[in-house]
C-alpha atoms as a PDB file:
ATOM      1  CA  MET A   1     135.153  95.811 165.734  1.00  0.00           C
ATOM      2  CA  GLU A   2     132.848  98.533 164.461  1.00  0.00           C
ATOM      3  CA  GLU A   3     132.169  96.498 161.302  1.00  0.00           C
ATOM      4  CA  ARG A   4     131.192  93.459 163.388  1.00  0.00           C
ATOM      5  CA  ASP A   5     128.701  95.546 165.408  1.00  0.00           C
ATOM      6  CA  SER A   6     127.201  96.851 162.168  1.00  0.00           C
ATOM      7  CA  VAL A   7     126.838  93.310 160.813  1.00  0.00           C
ATOM      8  CA  GLU A   8     125.229  92.092 164.062  1.00  0.00           C
ATOM      9  CA  ARG A   9     122.778  95.035 164.051  1.00  0.00           C
ATOM     10  CA  ARG A  10     121.863  94.281 160.458  1.00  0.00           C
ATOM     11  CA  LEU A  11     121.442  90.572 161.278  1.00  0.00           C
ATOM     12  CA  ARG A  12     119.072  91.361 164.190  1.00  0.00           C
ATOM     13  CA  GLN A  13     117.072  93.690 161.909  1.00  0.00           C
ATOM     14  CA  LEU A  14     116.794  91.007 159.229  1.00  0.00           C
ATOM     15  CA  GLU A  15     115.695  88.428 161.824  1.00  0.00           C
ATOM     16  CA  ARG A  16     112.929  90.785 162.987  1.00  0.00           C
ATOM     17  CA  GLU A  17     111.793  91.347 159.377  1.00  0.00           C
ATOM     18  CA  VAL A  18     111.753  87.588 158.701  1.00  0.00           C
ATOM     19  CA  ALA A  19     109.725  87.027 161.887  1.00  0.00           C
ATOM     20  CA  VAL A  20     107.185  89.639 160.750  1.00  0.00           C
ATOM     21  CA  LEU A  21     106.943  88.050 157.306  1.00  0.00           C
ATOM     22  CA  ARG A  22     106.475  84.589 158.818  1.00  0.00           C
ATOM     23  CA  GLY A  23     103.744  85.975 161.052  1.00  0.00           C
ATOM     24  CA  GLN A  24     101.971  87.401 158.002  1.00  0.00           C
ATOM     25  CA  ASP A  25     102.144  84.032 156.249  1.00  0.00           C
ATOM     26  CA  GLU A  26     100.748  82.305 159.325  1.00  0.00           C
ATOM     27  CA  ALA A  27      97.952  84.876 159.609  1.00  0.00           C
ATOM     28  CA  ARG A  28      97.116  84.262 155.964  1.00  0.00           C
ATOM     29  CA  GLY A  29      96.962  80.580 156.649  1.00  0.00           C
ATOM     30  CA  PRO A  30      97.858  77.636 154.490  1.00  0.00           C
ATOM     31  CA  GLY A  31      96.242  77.156 151.123  1.00  0.00           C
ATOM     32  CA  LEU A  32      93.236  74.880 150.706  1.00  0.00           C
ATOM     33  CA  ARG A  33      93.297  72.040 148.188  1.00  0.00           C
ATOM     34  CA  LYS A  34      90.445  69.552 147.686  1.00  0.00           C
ATOM     35  CA  ARG A  35      89.725  67.421 144.652  1.00  0.00           C
ATOM     36  CA  ALA A  36      87.136  64.781 143.829  1.00  0.00           C
ATOM     37  CA  ALA A  37      88.511  61.290 143.347  1.00  0.00           C
ATOM     38  CA  TRP A  38      86.172  60.749 140.400  1.00  0.00           C
ATOM     39  CA  GLY A  39      85.320  62.816 137.376  1.00  0.00           C
ATOM     40  CA  ILE A  40      84.625  62.907 133.688  1.00  0.00           C
ATOM     41  CA  GLY A  41      87.623  61.731 131.662  1.00  0.00           C
ATOM     42  CA  ASP A  42      90.722  63.447 133.080  1.00  0.00           C
ATOM     43  CA  LEU A  43      88.636  66.240 134.598  1.00  0.00           C
ATOM     44  CA  PRO A  44      87.710  65.798 138.281  1.00  0.00           C
ATOM     45  CA  PHE A  45      84.088  66.505 139.221  1.00  0.00           C
ATOM     46  CA  TYR A  46      85.140  69.277 141.626  1.00  0.00           C
ATOM     47  CA  GLU A  47      88.327  70.963 142.712  1.00  0.00           C
ATOM     48  CA  ILE A  48      88.965  73.678 145.283  1.00  0.00           C
ATOM     49  CA  ALA A  49      92.289  75.501 145.169  1.00  0.00           C
ATOM     50  CA  ILE A  50      92.508  78.612 147.320  1.00  0.00           C
ATOM     51  CA  GLY A  51      95.629  80.349 148.576  1.00  0.00           C
ATOM     52  CA  PRO A  52      99.310  79.507 148.310  1.00  0.00           C
ATOM     53  CA  ASP A  53     100.745  76.008 148.100  1.00  0.00           C
ATOM     54  CA  PRO A  54     104.505  76.414 148.629  1.00  0.00           C
ATOM     55  CA  ALA A  55     105.047  72.648 148.341  1.00  0.00           C
ATOM     56  CA  HIS A  56     104.035  72.836 144.673  1.00  0.00           C
ATOM     57  CA  GLY A  57     105.409  76.341 144.032  1.00  0.00           C
ATOM     58  CA  GLU A  58     101.949  77.938 143.676  1.00  0.00           C
ATOM     59  CA  TRP A  59     101.233  81.395 145.042  1.00  0.00           C
ATOM     60  CA  ARG A  60      97.582  81.164 143.951  1.00  0.00           C
ATOM     61  CA  GLY A  61      95.326  78.201 143.621  1.00  0.00           C
ATOM     62  CA  HIS A  62      94.282  77.174 140.119  1.00  0.00           C
ATOM     63  CA  ALA A  63      91.308  74.821 140.095  1.00  0.00           C
ATOM     64  CA  LYS A  64      90.464  72.884 136.914  1.00  0.00           C
ATOM     65  CA  ALA A  65      87.347  70.705 137.142  1.00  0.00           C
ATOM     66  CA  VAL A  66      83.721  70.367 136.133  1.00  0.00           C
ATOM     67  CA  ILE A  67      82.980  72.545 139.185  1.00  0.00           C
ATOM     68  CA  ALA A  68      86.053  74.647 139.935  1.00  0.00           C
ATOM     69  CA  VAL A  69      86.505  76.997 142.887  1.00  0.00           C
ATOM     70  CA  GLY A  70      89.785  78.819 143.338  1.00  0.00           C
ATOM     71  CA  ASP A  71      91.847  81.937 143.054  1.00  0.00           C
ATOM     72  CA  MET A  72      91.851  81.054 139.361  1.00  0.00           C
ATOM     73  CA  ALA A  73      89.143  78.652 138.242  1.00  0.00           C
ATOM     74  CA  THR A  74      88.550  76.870 134.941  1.00  0.00           C
ATOM     75  CA  GLY A  75      85.587  74.549 134.453  1.00  0.00           C
ATOM     76  CA  VAL A  76      82.031  74.046 133.322  1.00  0.00           C
ATOM     77  CA  VAL A  77      81.061  76.032 136.440  1.00  0.00           C
ATOM     78  CA  ALA A  78      83.926  78.258 137.590  1.00  0.00           C
ATOM     79  CA  ILE A  79      83.977  80.440 140.695  1.00  0.00           C
ATOM     80  CA  GLY A  80      87.046  82.508 141.570  1.00  0.00           C
ATOM     81  CA  GLY A  81      89.007  85.702 141.296  1.00  0.00           C
ATOM     82  CA  LEU A  82      89.645  84.822 137.649  1.00  0.00           C
ATOM     83  CA  ALA A  83      86.883  82.503 136.453  1.00  0.00           C
ATOM     84  CA  ARG A  84      86.660  80.855 133.018  1.00  0.00           C
ATOM     85  CA  GLY A  85      83.861  78.478 132.117  1.00  0.00           C
ATOM     86  CA  LEU A  86      80.439  77.919 130.612  1.00  0.00           C
ATOM     87  CA  ILE A  87      79.078  79.532 133.772  1.00  0.00           C
ATOM     88  CA  ALA A  88      81.684  81.819 135.324  1.00  0.00           C
ATOM     89  CA  ILE A  89      81.384  83.860 138.514  1.00  0.00           C
ATOM     90  CA  GLY A  90      84.300  85.983 139.698  1.00  0.00           C
ATOM     91  CA  GLY A  91      86.156  89.247 139.838  1.00  0.00           C
ATOM     92  CA  LEU A  92      87.059  88.722 136.198  1.00  0.00           C
ATOM     93  CA  ALA A  93      84.645  86.280 134.580  1.00  0.00           C
ATOM     94  CA  ALA A  94      84.781  84.958 131.028  1.00  0.00           C
ATOM     95  CA  GLY A  95      82.530  82.355 129.451  1.00  0.00           C
ATOM     96  CA  VAL A  96      79.052  81.781 128.051  1.00  0.00           C
ATOM     97  CA  VAL A  97      77.013  83.076 131.029  1.00  0.00           C
ATOM     98  CA  THR A  98      79.038  85.269 133.371  1.00  0.00           C
ATOM     99  CA  VAL A  99      78.742  87.353 136.527  1.00  0.00           C
ATOM    100  CA  GLY A 100      81.653  89.458 137.733  1.00  0.00           C
ATOM    101  CA  GLY A 101      83.308  92.791 138.277  1.00  0.00           C
ATOM    102  CA  LEU A 102      84.482  92.578 134.671  1.00  0.00           C
ATOM    103  CA  SER A 103      82.183  90.130 132.945  1.00  0.00           C
ATOM    104  CA  VAL A 104      82.640  88.918 129.376  1.00  0.00           C
ATOM    105  CA  GLY A 105      79.927  86.480 128.294  1.00  0.00           C
ATOM    106  CA  VAL A 106      79.096  85.096 124.879  1.00  0.00           C
ATOM    107  CA  LEU A 107      75.395  84.774 125.735  1.00  0.00           C
ATOM    108  CA  CYS A 108      74.849  86.865 128.863  1.00  0.00           C
ATOM    109  CA  ALA A 109      77.063  89.050 131.040  1.00  0.00           C
ATOM    110  CA  VAL A 110      76.208  90.731 134.338  1.00  0.00           C
ATOM    111  CA  GLY A 111      78.700  92.897 136.210  1.00  0.00           C
ATOM    112  CA  GLY A 112      80.309  96.214 136.913  1.00  0.00           C
ATOM    113  CA  LEU A 113      81.448  96.235 133.297  1.00  0.00           C
ATOM    114  CA  ALA A 114      79.495  93.690 131.274  1.00  0.00           C
ATOM    115  CA  ILE A 115      80.277  92.723 127.696  1.00  0.00           C
ATOM    116  CA  GLY A 116      78.117  90.157 125.911  1.00  0.00           C
ATOM    117  CA  SER A 117      75.197  89.465 123.592  1.00  0.00           C
ATOM    118  CA  ALA A 118      72.948  90.537 126.470  1.00  0.00           C
ATOM    119  CA  ALA A 119      74.777  92.758 128.963  1.00  0.00           C
ATOM    120  CA  LEU A 120      73.580  94.183 132.273  1.00  0.00           C
ATOM    121  CA  GLY A 121      75.894  96.309 134.378  1.00  0.00           C
ATOM    122  CA  GLY A 122      77.139  99.675 135.476  1.00  0.00           C
ATOM    123  CA  GLY A 123      78.712  99.796 132.051  1.00  0.00           C
ATOM    124  CA  ALA A 124      77.132  97.464 129.489  1.00  0.00           C
ATOM    125  CA  ILE A 125      78.208  96.687 125.937  1.00  0.00           C
ATOM    126  CA  GLY A 126      76.317  94.197 123.798  1.00  0.00           C
ATOM    127  CA  GLY A 127      73.549  93.446 121.355  1.00  0.00           C
ATOM    128  CA  VAL A 128      71.114  94.254 124.152  1.00  0.00           C
ATOM    129  CA  ALA A 129      72.684  96.485 126.801  1.00  0.00           C
ATOM    130  CA  VAL A 130      71.158  97.795 130.010  1.00  0.00           C
ATOM    131  CA  GLY A 131      73.208  99.841 132.442  1.00  0.00           C
ATOM    132  CA  GLY A 132      74.212 103.213 133.747  1.00  0.00           C
ATOM    133  CA  ALA A 133      76.166 103.629 130.531  1.00  0.00           C
ATOM    134  CA  ALA A 134      74.972 101.266 127.803  1.00  0.00           C
ATOM    135  CA  ALA A 135      76.051 100.686 124.224  1.00  0.00           C
ATOM    136  CA  GLY A 136      74.317  98.193 121.962  1.00  0.00           C
ATOM    137  CA  TYR A 137      71.852  97.578 119.158  1.00  0.00           C
ATOM    138  CA  TYR A 138      69.140  97.965 121.806  1.00  0.00           C
ATOM    139  CA  ALA A 139      70.477 100.121 124.653  1.00  0.00           C
ATOM    140  CA  CYS A 140      68.829 101.408 127.810  1.00  0.00           C
ATOM    141  CA  GLY A 141      70.527 103.518 130.457  1.00  0.00           C
ATOM    142  CA  ALA A 142      71.215 106.986 131.782  1.00  0.00           C
ATOM    143  CA  ALA A 143      73.727 107.396 128.961  1.00  0.00           C
ATOM    144  CA  ALA A 144      73.021 105.064 126.052  1.00  0.00           C
ATOM    145  CA  ALA A 145      74.268 104.712 122.515  1.00  0.00           C
ATOM    146  CA  GLY A 146      73.035 102.415 119.783  1.00  0.00           C
ATOM    147  CA  ARG A 147      70.557 101.853 116.980  1.00  0.00           C
ATOM    148  CA  TYR A 148      67.498 101.835 119.266  1.00  0.00           C
ATOM    149  CA  VAL A 149      67.976 103.733 122.508  1.00  0.00           C
ATOM    150  CA  VAL A 150      66.154 104.653 125.680  1.00  0.00           C
ATOM    151  CA  ASP A 151      68.018 107.198 127.790  1.00  0.00           C
ATOM    152  CA  VAL A 152      67.439 110.616 129.369  1.00  0.00           C
ATOM    153  CA  GLU A 153      67.394 112.389 125.996  1.00  0.00           C
ATOM    154  CA  ARG A 154      66.078 109.772 123.566  1.00  0.00           C
ATOM    155  CA  ARG A 155      63.169 107.327 123.555  1.00  0.00           C
ATOM    156  CA  ASP A 156      63.112 105.372 120.335  1.00  0.00           C
ATOM    157  CA  PRO A 157      59.692 103.657 120.040  1.00  0.00           C
ATOM    158  CA  PRO A 158      61.185 100.301 118.898  1.00  0.00           C
ATOM    159  CA  ALA A 159      63.494 100.326 121.963  1.00  0.00           C
ATOM    160  CA  VAL A 160      60.663 101.192 124.361  1.00  0.00           C
ATOM    161  CA  GLU A 161      58.550  98.380 122.853  1.00  0.00           C
ATOM    162  CA  PHE A 162      61.464  95.907 123.005  1.00  0.00           C
ATOM    163  CA  PHE A 163      62.389  96.556 126.633  1.00  0.00           C
ATOM    164  CA  GLU A 164      58.759  96.609 127.818  1.00  0.00           C
ATOM    165  CA  ARG A 165      58.119  93.296 126.020  1.00  0.00           C
ATOM    166  CA  TYR A 166      60.859  91.749 128.200  1.00  0.00           C
ATOM    167  CA  GLY A 167      59.645  93.257 131.453  1.00  0.00           C
ATOM    168  CA  LEU A 168      61.693  96.451 131.796  1.00  0.00           C
ATOM    169  CA  THR A 169      59.319  99.259 132.732  1.00  0.00           C
ATOM    170  CA  ILE A 170      60.215 102.527 131.040  1.00  0.00           C
ATOM    171  CA  PRO A 171      59.032 105.526 133.111  1.00  0.00           C
ATOM    172  CA  GLY A 172      56.911 107.997 131.160  1.00  0.00           C
ATOM    173  CA  SER A 173      55.836 105.461 128.525  1.00  0.00           C
END
């Protein structure tokens, strides 16, 4: 009899936990899926994939389109938590021109940590780097390292000339 009471108590506890978990899923809401009926080749013009889609076994939405918006997005223009594309905007962005928390761009990167040919961010690494901490051939920041540098301790004339030519005003120049 004591074992049965223990099993019933455990069953009631599990039912309460399942109810809480279901409530969390409902509060989170169903995932959103939209896709253009037309596109270029096999790639739809736009796709939006946000949140879980239990019917297809997806916990995150992965959008793949010319214009992709999703938890993970891949496209010519990609916007999402993880964004990959020619133009990528997201928490983690990778592509040609990127904006993100961690931004890796072949041509240009802007973000908290930016890595690219031209990089602008709190931390910037690139051929031309501007940021709080910057490392590059031309580097400008509070702490900078590179061939030609403008920082609190160093003001290389070629770096000052370069950055001023492209509109960055260097105090004390």
